[in-house]
Structure formats: C-alpha cells, structure tokens
PDB file of N, CA and C in Angstrom:
ATOM      1  N   UNK A   1      53.205 -35.730  16.538  1.00  0.00           N
ATOM      2  CA  UNK A   1      54.348 -35.377  17.336  1.00  0.00           C
ATOM      3  C   UNK A   1      53.852 -34.647  18.585  1.00  0.00           C
ATOM      4  N   UNK A   2      54.519 -34.891  19.692  1.00  0.00           N
ATOM      5  CA  UNK A   2      54.176 -34.250  20.962  1.00  0.00           C
ATOM      6  C   UNK A   2      54.447 -32.749  20.904  1.00  0.00           C
ATOM      7  N   UNK A   3      53.663 -31.999  21.655  1.00  0.00           N
ATOM      8  CA  UNK A   3      53.809 -30.548  21.706  1.00  0.00           C
ATOM      9  C   UNK A   3      55.205 -30.138  22.163  1.00  0.00           C
ATOM     10  N   UNK A   4      55.696 -30.717  23.252  1.00  0.00           N
ATOM     11  CA  UNK A   4      57.003 -30.301  23.776  1.00  0.00           C
ATOM     12  C   UNK A   4      58.129 -30.593  22.782  1.00  0.00           C
ATOM     13  N   UNK A   5      58.036 -31.715  22.090  1.00  0.00           N
ATOM     14  CA  UNK A   5      59.072 -32.050  21.106  1.00  0.00           C
ATOM     15  C   UNK A   5      58.990 -31.122  19.897  1.00  0.00           C
ATOM     16  N   UNK A   6      57.788 -30.793  19.449  1.00  0.00           N
ATOM     17  CA  UNK A   6      57.646 -29.872  18.315  1.00  0.00           C
ATOM     18  C   UNK A   6      58.227 -28.504  18.647  1.00  0.00           C
ATOM     19  N   UNK A   7      57.958 -28.007  19.844  1.00  0.00           N
ATOM     20  CA  UNK A   7      58.483 -26.707  20.242  1.00  0.00           C
ATOM     21  C   UNK A   7      60.007 -26.697  20.235  1.00  0.00           C
ATOM     22  N   UNK A   8      60.618 -27.800  20.628  1.00  0.00           N
ATOM     23  CA  UNK A   8      62.076 -27.896  20.627  1.00  0.00           C
ATOM     24  C   UNK A   8      62.618 -28.010  19.204  1.00  0.00           C
ATOM     25  N   UNK A   9      62.054 -28.905  18.407  1.00  0.00           N
ATOM     26  CA  UNK A   9      62.534 -29.135  17.037  1.00  0.00           C
ATOM     27  C   UNK A   9      62.365 -27.878  16.187  1.00  0.00           C
ATOM     28  N   UNK A  10      61.279 -27.151  16.383  1.00  0.00           N
ATOM     29  CA  UNK A  10      61.026 -25.940  15.592  1.00  0.00           C
ATOM     30  C   UNK A  10      61.785 -24.732  16.122  1.00  0.00           C
ATOM     31  N   UNK A  11      62.453 -24.910  17.243  1.00  0.00           N
ATOM     32  CA  UNK A  11      63.235 -23.839  17.889  1.00  0.00           C
ATOM     33  C   UNK A  11      62.365 -22.686  18.385  1.00  0.00           C
ATOM     34  N   UNK A  12      61.082 -22.933  18.625  1.00  0.00           N
ATOM     35  CA  UNK A  12      60.241 -21.921  19.251  1.00  0.00           C
ATOM     36  C   UNK A  12      60.622 -21.783  20.726  1.00  0.00           C
ATOM     37  N   UNK A  13      60.991 -22.918  21.342  1.00  0.00           N
ATOM     38  CA  UNK A  13      61.541 -22.938  22.699  1.00  0.00           C
ATOM     39  C   UNK A  13      62.811 -23.779  22.635  1.00  0.00           C
ATOM     40  N   UNK A  14      63.876 -23.283  23.258  1.00  0.00           N
ATOM     41  CA  UNK A  14      65.199 -23.893  23.070  1.00  0.00           C
ATOM     42  C   UNK A  14      65.339 -25.320  23.583  1.00  0.00           C
ATOM     43  N   UNK A  15      64.738 -25.625  24.730  1.00  0.00           N
ATOM     44  CA  UNK A  15      64.915 -26.956  25.318  1.00  0.00           C
ATOM     45  C   UNK A  15      63.572 -27.616  25.597  1.00  0.00           C
ATOM     46  N   UNK A  16      63.552 -28.931  25.502  1.00  0.00           N
ATOM     47  CA  UNK A  16      62.318 -29.678  25.733  1.00  0.00           C
ATOM     48  C   UNK A  16      61.873 -29.562  27.186  1.00  0.00           C
ATOM     49  N   UNK A  17      62.822 -29.515  28.116  1.00  0.00           N
ATOM     50  CA  UNK A  17      62.455 -29.386  29.535  1.00  0.00           C
ATOM     51  C   UNK A  17      61.788 -28.035  29.798  1.00  0.00           C
ATOM     52  N   UNK A  18      62.264 -26.996  29.125  1.00  0.00           N
ATOM     53  CA  UNK A  18      61.649 -25.671  29.265  1.00  0.00           C
ATOM     54  C   UNK A  18      60.248 -25.692  28.650  1.00  0.00           C
ATOM     55  N   UNK A  19      60.097 -26.352  27.520  1.00  0.00           N
ATOM     56  CA  UNK A  19      58.786 -26.481  26.878  1.00  0.00           C
ATOM     57  C   UNK A  19      57.810 -27.211  27.806  1.00  0.00           C
ATOM     58  N   UNK A  20      58.283 -28.256  28.477  1.00  0.00           N
ATOM     59  CA  UNK A  20      57.447 -28.978  29.440  1.00  0.00           C
ATOM     60  C   UNK A  20      57.001 -28.059  30.568  1.00  0.00           C
ATOM     61  N   UNK A  21      57.953 -27.311  31.117  1.00  0.00           N
ATOM     62  CA  UNK A  21      57.673 -26.429  32.247  1.00  0.00           C
ATOM     63  C   UNK A  21      56.658 -25.347  31.870  1.00  0.00           C
ATOM     64  N   UNK A  22      56.864 -24.705  30.733  1.00  0.00           N
ATOM     65  CA  UNK A  22      55.958 -23.646  30.280  1.00  0.00           C
ATOM     66  C   UNK A  22      54.563 -24.214  30.030  1.00  0.00           C
ATOM     67  N   UNK A  23      54.500 -25.375  29.441  1.00  0.00           N
ATOM     68  CA  UNK A  23      53.217 -26.011  29.157  1.00  0.00           C
ATOM     69  C   UNK A  23      52.488 -26.397  30.451  1.00  0.00           C
ATOM     70  N   UNK A  24      53.221 -26.934  31.403  1.00  0.00           N
ATOM     71  CA  UNK A  24      52.618 -27.322  32.685  1.00  0.00           C
ATOM     72  C   UNK A  24      52.094 -26.106  33.443  1.00  0.00           C
ATOM     73  N   UNK A  25      52.671 -24.939  33.197  1.00  0.00           N
ATOM     74  CA  UNK A  25      52.214 -23.710  33.846  1.00  0.00           C
ATOM     75  C   UNK A  25      50.978 -23.130  33.170  1.00  0.00           C
ATOM     76  N   UNK A  26      50.530 -23.757  32.080  1.00  0.00           N
ATOM     77  CA  UNK A  26      49.315 -23.322  31.401  1.00  0.00           C
ATOM     78  C   UNK A  26      49.511 -22.112  30.508  1.00  0.00           C
ATOM     79  N   UNK A  27      50.718 -21.933  29.985  1.00  0.00           N
ATOM     80  CA  UNK A  27      51.007 -20.771  29.140  1.00  0.00           C
ATOM     81  C   UNK A  27      51.097 -21.119  27.663  1.00  0.00           C
ATOM     82  N   UNK A  28      50.731 -22.351  27.298  1.00  0.00           N
ATOM     83  CA  UNK A  28      50.715 -22.757  25.895  1.00  0.00           C
ATOM     84  C   UNK A  28      49.323 -23.280  25.555  1.00  0.00           C
ATOM     85  N   UNK A  29      48.780 -22.749  24.465  1.00  0.00           N
ATOM     86  CA  UNK A  29      47.456 -23.148  24.007  1.00  0.00           C
ATOM     87  C   UNK A  29      47.574 -23.760  22.616  1.00  0.00           C
ATOM     88  N   UNK A  30      46.787 -24.794  22.373  1.00  0.00           N
ATOM     89  CA  UNK A  30      46.675 -25.371  21.034  1.00  0.00           C
ATOM     90  C   UNK A  30      45.203 -25.247  20.654  1.00  0.00           C
ATOM     91  N   UNK A  31      44.952 -24.505  19.590  1.00  0.00           N
ATOM     92  CA  UNK A  31      43.585 -24.223  19.133  1.00  0.00           C
ATOM     93  C   UNK A  31      42.738 -23.624  20.261  1.00  0.00           C
ATOM     94  N   UNK A  32      43.337 -22.664  20.994  1.00  0.00           N
ATOM     95  CA  UNK A  32      42.689 -21.920  22.077  1.00  0.00           C
ATOM     96  C   UNK A  32      42.296 -22.764  23.278  1.00  0.00           C
ATOM     97  N   UNK A  33      42.940 -23.909  23.466  1.00  0.00           N
ATOM     98  CA  UNK A  33      42.719 -24.758  24.630  1.00  0.00           C
ATOM     99  C   UNK A  33      44.080 -24.989  25.292  1.00  0.00           C
ATOM    100  N   UNK A  34      44.140 -24.843  26.635  1.00  0.00           N
ATOM    101  CA  UNK A  34      45.405 -25.071  27.342  1.00  0.00           C
ATOM    102  C   UNK A  34      45.878 -26.482  27.033  1.00  0.00           C
ATOM    103  N   UNK A  35      47.170 -26.603  26.687  1.00  0.00           N
ATOM    104  CA  UNK A  35      47.704 -27.895  26.247  1.00  0.00           C
ATOM    105  C   UNK A  35      48.791 -28.412  27.187  1.00  0.00           C
ATOM    106  N   UNK A  36      48.778 -29.697  27.412  1.00  0.00           N
ATOM    107  CA  UNK A  36      49.820 -30.376  28.179  1.00  0.00           C
ATOM    108  C   UNK A  36      50.960 -30.742  27.236  1.00  0.00           C
ATOM    109  N   UNK A  37      52.152 -31.051  27.779  1.00  0.00           N
ATOM    110  CA  UNK A  37      53.313 -31.372  26.940  1.00  0.00           C
ATOM    111  C   UNK A  37      53.098 -32.565  26.010  1.00  0.00           C
ATOM    112  N   UNK A  38      52.267 -33.515  26.392  1.00  0.00           N
ATOM    113  CA  UNK A  38      52.069 -34.726  25.594  1.00  0.00           C
ATOM    114  C   UNK A  38      50.992 -34.569  24.519  1.00  0.00           C
ATOM    115  N   UNK A  39      50.420 -33.395  24.382  1.00  0.00           N
ATOM    116  CA  UNK A  39      49.382 -33.158  23.367  1.00  0.00           C
ATOM    117  C   UNK A  39      49.922 -33.499  21.981  1.00  0.00           C
ATOM    118  N   UNK A  40      49.196 -34.323  21.245  1.00  0.00           N
ATOM    119  CA  UNK A  40      49.589 -34.698  19.890  1.00  0.00           C
ATOM    120  C   UNK A  40      49.157 -33.603  18.925  1.00  0.00           C
ATOM    121  N   UNK A  41      50.096 -33.136  18.112  1.00  0.00           N
ATOM    122  CA  UNK A  41      49.832 -32.066  17.161  1.00  0.00           C
ATOM    123  C   UNK A  41      49.614 -32.614  15.765  1.00  0.00           C
ATOM    124  N   UNK A  42      48.926 -31.839  14.954  1.00  0.00           N
ATOM    125  CA  UNK A  42      48.746 -32.176  13.547  1.00  0.00           C
ATOM    126  C   UNK A  42      48.878 -30.899  12.733  1.00  0.00           C
ATOM    127  N   UNK A  43      49.077 -31.040  11.451  1.00  0.00           N
ATOM    128  CA  UNK A  43      49.209 -29.880  10.572  1.00  0.00           C
ATOM    129  C   UNK A  43      47.932 -29.042  10.628  1.00  0.00           C
ATOM    130  N   UNK A  44      48.098 -27.727  10.669  1.00  0.00           N
ATOM    131  CA  UNK A  44      46.957 -26.826  10.732  1.00  0.00           C
ATOM    132  C   UNK A  44      46.618 -26.358  12.130  1.00  0.00           C
ATOM    133  N   UNK A  45      47.162 -27.018  13.162  1.00  0.00           N
ATOM    134  CA  UNK A  45      46.930 -26.576  14.536  1.00  0.00           C
ATOM    135  C   UNK A  45      47.547 -25.211  14.754  1.00  0.00           C
ATOM    136  N   UNK A  46      46.942 -24.429  15.643  1.00  0.00           N
ATOM    137  CA  UNK A  46      47.466 -23.108  15.983  1.00  0.00           C
ATOM    138  C   UNK A  46      47.957 -23.145  17.422  1.00  0.00           C
ATOM    139  N   UNK A  47      49.231 -22.810  17.598  1.00  0.00           N
ATOM    140  CA  UNK A  47      49.862 -22.800  18.917  1.00  0.00           C
ATOM    141  C   UNK A  47      50.017 -21.355  19.360  1.00  0.00           C
ATOM    142  N   UNK A  48      49.592 -21.071  20.591  1.00  0.00           N
ATOM    143  CA  UNK A  48      49.771 -19.746  21.186  1.00  0.00           C
ATOM    144  C   UNK A  48      50.668 -19.910  22.401  1.00  0.00           C
ATOM    145  N   UNK A  49      51.760 -19.146  22.431  1.00  0.00           N
ATOM    146  CA  UNK A  49      52.705 -19.180  23.548  1.00  0.00           C
ATOM    147  C   UNK A  49      52.652 -17.828  24.234  1.00  0.00           C
ATOM    148  N   UNK A  50      52.319 -17.835  25.535  1.00  0.00           N
ATOM    149  CA  UNK A  50      52.238 -16.598  26.308  1.00  0.00           C
ATOM    150  C   UNK A  50      53.441 -16.552  27.239  1.00  0.00           C
ATOM    151  N   UNK A  51      54.293 -15.549  27.042  1.00  0.00           N
ATOM    152  CA  UNK A  51      55.462 -15.368  27.895  1.00  0.00           C
ATOM    153  C   UNK A  51      55.525 -13.916  28.319  1.00  0.00           C
ATOM    154  N   UNK A  52      55.568 -13.695  29.629  1.00  0.00           N
ATOM    155  CA  UNK A  52      55.585 -12.348  30.202  1.00  0.00           C
ATOM    156  C   UNK A  52      54.423 -11.539  29.619  1.00  0.00           C
ATOM    157  N   UNK A  53      54.706 -10.470  28.902  1.00  0.00           N
ATOM    158  CA  UNK A  53      53.632  -9.658  28.334  1.00  0.00           C
ATOM    159  C   UNK A  53      53.541  -9.799  26.817  1.00  0.00           C
ATOM    160  N   UNK A  54      54.176 -10.844  26.278  1.00  0.00           N
ATOM    161  CA  UNK A  54      54.112 -11.074  24.836  1.00  0.00           C
ATOM    162  C   UNK A  54      53.354 -12.357  24.526  1.00  0.00           C
ATOM    163  N   UNK A  55      52.790 -12.393  23.345  1.00  0.00           N
ATOM    164  CA  UNK A  55      52.056 -13.577  22.893  1.00  0.00           C
ATOM    165  C   UNK A  55      52.495 -13.883  21.465  1.00  0.00           C
ATOM    166  N   UNK A  56      52.892 -15.131  21.244  1.00  0.00           N
ATOM    167  CA  UNK A  56      53.300 -15.576  19.913  1.00  0.00           C
ATOM    168  C   UNK A  56      52.273 -16.589  19.436  1.00  0.00           C
ATOM    169  N   UNK A  57      51.766 -16.388  18.235  1.00  0.00           N
ATOM    170  CA  UNK A  57      50.772 -17.300  17.673  1.00  0.00           C
ATOM    171  C   UNK A  57      51.318 -17.820  16.353  1.00  0.00           C
ATOM    172  N   UNK A  58      51.407 -19.150  16.232  1.00  0.00           N
ATOM    173  CA  UNK A  58      51.924 -19.762  15.012  1.00  0.00           C
ATOM    174  C   UNK A  58      50.975 -20.869  14.536  1.00  0.00           C
ATOM    175  N   UNK A  59      50.987 -21.077  13.227  1.00  0.00           N
ATOM    176  CA  UNK A  59      50.208 -22.155  12.616  1.00  0.00           C
ATOM    177  C   UNK A  59      51.192 -23.208  12.130  1.00  0.00           C
ATOM    178  N   UNK A  60      50.934 -24.462  12.465  1.00  0.00           N
ATOM    179  CA  UNK A  60      51.813 -25.557  12.062  1.00  0.00           C
ATOM    180  C   UNK A  60      51.595 -25.853  10.584  1.00  0.00           C
ATOM    181  N   UNK A  61      52.677 -25.777   9.820  1.00  0.00           N
ATOM    182  CA  UNK A  61      52.607 -26.058   8.386  1.00  0.00           C
ATOM    183  C   UNK A  61      52.910 -27.523   8.121  1.00  0.00           C
ATOM    184  N   UNK A  62      53.938 -28.051   8.796  1.00  0.00           N
ATOM    185  CA  UNK A  62      54.246 -29.476   8.630  1.00  0.00           C
ATOM    186  C   UNK A  62      54.868 -30.019   9.905  1.00  0.00           C
ATOM    187  N   UNK A  63      54.688 -31.310  10.096  1.00  0.00           N
ATOM    188  CA  UNK A  63      55.254 -32.018  11.245  1.00  0.00           C
ATOM    189  C   UNK A  63      56.475 -32.786  10.756  1.00  0.00           C
ATOM    190  N   UNK A  64      57.648 -32.562  11.352  1.00  0.00           N
ATOM    191  CA  UNK A  64      58.852 -33.279  10.909  1.00  0.00           C
ATOM    192  C   UNK A  64      58.854 -34.725  11.396  1.00  0.00           C
ATOM    193  N   UNK A  65      59.582 -35.575  10.693  1.00  0.00           N
ATOM    194  CA  UNK A  65      59.705 -36.982  11.081  1.00  0.00           C
ATOM    195  C   UNK A  65      60.686 -37.119  12.241  1.00  0.00           C
ATOM    196  N   UNK A  66      61.826 -36.458  12.147  1.00  0.00           N
ATOM    197  CA  UNK A  66      62.841 -36.508  13.197  1.00  0.00           C
ATOM    198  C   UNK A  66      63.415 -35.129  13.416  1.00  0.00           C
ATOM    199  N   UNK A  67      64.659 -35.087  13.887  1.00  0.00           N
ATOM    200  CA  UNK A  67      65.313 -33.798  14.050  1.00  0.00           C
ATOM    201  C   UNK A  67      65.637 -33.199  12.689  1.00  0.00           C
ATOM    202  N   UNK A  68      65.638 -31.873  12.643  1.00  0.00           N
ATOM    203  CA  UNK A  68      65.929 -31.178  11.391  1.00  0.00           C
ATOM    204  C   UNK A  68      66.974 -30.102  11.648  1.00  0.00           C
ATOM    205  N   UNK A  69      67.497 -29.542  10.572  1.00  0.00           N
ATOM    206  CA  UNK A  69      68.526 -28.516  10.710  1.00  0.00           C
ATOM    207  C   UNK A  69      67.914 -27.182  11.143  1.00  0.00           C
ATOM    208  N   UNK A  70      68.765 -26.300  11.622  1.00  0.00           N
ATOM    209  CA  UNK A  70      68.321 -24.977  12.061  1.00  0.00           C
ATOM    210  C   UNK A  70      67.676 -24.214  10.912  1.00  0.00           C
ATOM    211  N   UNK A  71      68.231 -24.352   9.714  1.00  0.00           N
ATOM    212  CA  UNK A  71      67.696 -23.641   8.560  1.00  0.00           C
ATOM    213  C   UNK A  71      66.275 -24.091   8.224  1.00  0.00           C
ATOM    214  N   UNK A  72      65.965 -25.353   8.453  1.00  0.00           N
ATOM    215  CA  UNK A  72      64.632 -25.890   8.141  1.00  0.00           C
ATOM    216  C   UNK A  72      63.610 -25.625   9.239  1.00  0.00           C
ATOM    217  N   UNK A  73      64.051 -25.279  10.429  1.00  0.00           N
ATOM    218  CA  UNK A  73      63.170 -25.143  11.579  1.00  0.00           C
ATOM    219  C   UNK A  73      62.051 -24.129  11.336  1.00  0.00           C
ATOM    220  N   UNK A  74      62.377 -23.001  10.743  1.00  0.00           N
ATOM    221  CA  UNK A  74      61.355 -21.975  10.537  1.00  0.00           C
ATOM    222  C   UNK A  74      60.351 -22.351   9.450  1.00  0.00           C
ATOM    223  N   UNK A  75      60.633 -23.372   8.672  1.00  0.00           N
ATOM    224  CA  UNK A  75      59.690 -23.804   7.639  1.00  0.00           C
ATOM    225  C   UNK A  75      58.574 -24.691   8.201  1.00  0.00           C
ATOM    226  N   UNK A  76      58.652 -25.030   9.476  1.00  0.00           N
ATOM    227  CA  UNK A  76      57.637 -25.883  10.098  1.00  0.00           C
ATOM    228  C   UNK A  76      56.384 -25.119  10.496  1.00  0.00           C
ATOM    229  N   UNK A  77      56.510 -23.805  10.640  1.00  0.00           N
ATOM    230  CA  UNK A  77      55.394 -23.006  11.117  1.00  0.00           C
ATOM    231  C   UNK A  77      55.342 -21.656  10.416  1.00  0.00           C
ATOM    232  N   UNK A  78      54.197 -21.006  10.566  1.00  0.00           N
ATOM    233  CA  UNK A  78      53.976 -19.661  10.022  1.00  0.00           C
ATOM    234  C   UNK A  78      53.500 -18.781  11.174  1.00  0.00           C
ATOM    235  N   UNK A  79      54.160 -17.653  11.382  1.00  0.00           N
ATOM    236  CA  UNK A  79      53.779 -16.754  12.454  1.00  0.00           C
ATOM    237  C   UNK A  79      52.507 -16.013  12.051  1.00  0.00           C
ATOM    238  N   UNK A  80      51.514 -16.078  12.906  1.00  0.00           N
ATOM    239  CA  UNK A  80      50.232 -15.433  12.628  1.00  0.00           C
ATOM    240  C   UNK A  80      50.189 -14.044  13.257  1.00  0.00           C
ATOM    241  N   UNK A  81      50.713 -13.951  14.480  1.00  0.00           N
ATOM    242  CA  UNK A  81      50.616 -12.681  15.202  1.00  0.00           C
ATOM    243  C   UNK A  81      51.932 -12.318  15.801  1.00  0.00           C
TER     244      UNK A  81
END
C-alpha cells in the first residue's frame, strides 16, 4: 500500500492530499529515509512524522486491503515514541 493512502486509512493524517503535501516537504520518513507519497509500505516498517516541534514514530502492524472503520484504524500501527 502507498504511504499516502496508509496515512489516510490509519487516520494518522486526515486527508490523502495533506499526506502528499507533508511527504513532499520531506517531513515523513520510512525506516529513517525520507519517503515520497508513492513509497510502498510493508508490515514492520517504521514511519516517522515530523510536524512543527513534535515527532510521531509508529511501527506498521498490518496493511489493510481496503478502507476500514475508525475503530479498526488504530490497530494498524503501534506508537513507538
């Protein structure tokens, strides 16, 4: 699954267009490497999102097939930091 779509489906970022914009600005890392919106993710990858003076680090637990409910969204990842 693409990085921008995963961020939207997991509700880490509310909209896919915002996820694209943040990623293009170089504020999203996958496994400590700056990632573009089209980066393909796999289970076990670590995503770091840098916004203002905060940093969120999550580990991908599972990749969904399609859209999922809000209740299931937090089960896709584990917050590391």
